[in-house]
Protein backbone atom coordinates (compact mmCIF):
# COMPACT_ATOMS: atom_id res chain seq x y z
CA MET A 1 40.08 33.93 -2.14
CA THR A 2 37.84 35.96 -4.33
CA ASN A 3 36.45 38.16 -1.66
CA SER A 4 39.80 38.70 0.05
CA SER A 5 41.38 39.53 -3.15
CA SER A 6 39.03 42.41 -3.76
CA ALA A 7 39.35 43.74 -0.33
CA ASP A 8 41.89 46.29 -1.21
CA GLN A 9 39.67 47.68 -3.96
CA GLU A 10 36.53 47.89 -1.78
CA PHE A 11 38.84 49.40 0.89
CA LEU A 12 39.99 52.09 -1.77
CA GLU A 13 36.42 52.83 -2.94
CA TYR A 14 35.04 53.12 0.83
CA LEU A 15 38.02 55.37 1.76
CA VAL A 16 38.00 58.04 -1.05
CA LYS A 17 34.32 58.14 -1.49
CA SER A 18 34.38 59.31 2.11
CA LEU A 19 37.15 62.00 1.40
CA VAL A 20 35.66 63.58 -1.96
CA ASP A 21 32.78 65.77 -2.81
CA HIS A 22 31.38 63.60 -5.67
CA PRO A 23 31.61 60.02 -4.11
CA ASP A 24 29.65 58.83 -7.36
CA ASP A 25 32.36 59.53 -9.70
CA VAL A 26 34.85 57.57 -7.72
CA LYS A 27 35.99 54.18 -9.75
CA VAL A 28 38.56 51.73 -9.11
CA ASP A 29 40.20 49.67 -11.65
CA ARG A 30 41.85 46.74 -10.40
CA LYS A 31 44.71 44.66 -12.61
CA VAL A 32 46.79 41.81 -11.18
CA ASP A 33 50.07 40.66 -13.10
CA GLU A 34 53.57 39.17 -11.84
CA MET A 35 54.01 42.61 -10.24
CA GLY A 36 51.10 42.46 -7.84
CA VAL A 37 47.74 44.36 -7.92
CA LEU A 38 47.59 47.54 -9.60
CA LEU A 39 44.46 49.73 -8.32
CA SER A 40 43.97 52.79 -10.75
CA LEU A 41 41.65 55.33 -9.24
CA HIS A 42 39.50 57.78 -11.13
CA VAL A 43 37.90 60.99 -9.50
CA ASN A 44 35.78 64.01 -10.41
CA ALA A 45 38.47 66.74 -11.60
CA GLN A 46 37.39 68.92 -8.88
CA ASP A 47 38.39 66.28 -6.19
CA MET A 48 41.91 65.79 -7.15
CA GLY A 49 43.34 68.08 -4.41
CA GLN A 50 41.50 66.22 -1.64
CA VAL A 51 42.65 62.64 -3.05
CA VAL A 52 46.53 63.95 -3.30
CA GLY A 53 46.42 66.35 -0.38
CA ARG A 54 49.14 69.15 0.40
CA GLN A 55 52.53 67.76 -0.91
CA GLY A 56 50.89 64.41 -1.82
CA ALA A 57 50.28 63.94 1.80
CA THR A 58 46.99 62.24 1.58
CA ALA A 59 47.82 60.15 -1.39
CA LYS A 60 50.95 58.95 0.55
CA ALA A 61 48.71 57.90 3.24
CA ILE A 62 46.32 55.97 1.11
CA ARG A 63 49.24 54.08 -0.31
CA SER A 64 50.56 53.17 3.00
CA LEU A 65 46.99 51.75 4.28
CA LEU A 66 46.67 50.02 1.04
CA ARG A 67 50.08 48.31 1.42
CA ILE A 68 48.94 47.17 4.82
CA VAL A 69 46.05 45.67 3.38
CA GLY A 70 47.79 44.01 0.63
CA ILE A 71 50.34 42.44 3.47
CA LYS A 72 47.41 41.11 5.16
CA ASN A 73 46.02 39.55 1.91
CA ASN A 74 49.88 38.28 0.62
CA ALA A 75 49.66 40.81 -2.02
CA ARG A 76 51.63 43.73 -3.29
CA VAL A 77 49.17 46.72 -3.77
CA ASN A 78 50.10 49.64 -6.11
CA LEU A 79 47.99 52.90 -6.51
CA LYS A 80 47.75 55.07 -9.70
CA ILE A 81 45.49 57.97 -9.45
CA GLU A 82 44.53 58.76 -12.90
CA GLU A 83 44.60 62.39 -14.17
CA PRO A 84 40.84 63.27 -14.84
CA GLU A 85 39.60 65.05 -17.93
CA GLY A 86 39.42 68.76 -17.26
CA SER A 87 41.69 68.88 -14.31
CA THR A 88 42.92 72.13 -13.30
CA ARG A 89 46.46 71.05 -12.26
CA ALA A 90 49.21 72.52 -14.00
CA PRO A 91 51.62 70.00 -15.63
CA ARG A 92 54.46 69.09 -13.54
CA THR A 93 57.20 70.44 -16.09
CA GLU A 94 55.74 74.00 -15.94
CA HIS A 95 57.27 76.38 -13.42
CA PRO A 96 54.76 78.64 -11.71
CA GLN A 97 56.68 81.86 -12.26
CA ALA A 98 59.34 82.79 -14.92
CA PRO A 99 62.42 84.25 -13.50
CA GLU A 100 62.37 88.06 -13.50
CA GLU A 101 64.58 89.89 -15.93
CA HIS A 102 66.89 92.53 -14.55
CA THR A 103 67.57 95.42 -17.12
CA GLU A 104 70.13 97.42 -15.11
CA ASN A 105 72.29 99.64 -17.39
């Protein structure tokens, strides 16, 4: 079962390398515990937008495909996309614009 158990990892690597501009920087770590399989994806900071997609659409699609691969191999597969060093994405807690102050009277 060693070949089929890493099929999810190989599939994710192939898929993401096909999407990004820096395929040599793609790295997938695989951990198995009682919750199932956890795949941690590391990509170049410049490729984060391509992996996540608009409103997370690409990441959601990748997760759906991994779920199908997991079902085929009787495993629950989860994906964690690691925030790369030097990422230009703003933290989620910040608001892009502060509300404008009105100074009438």
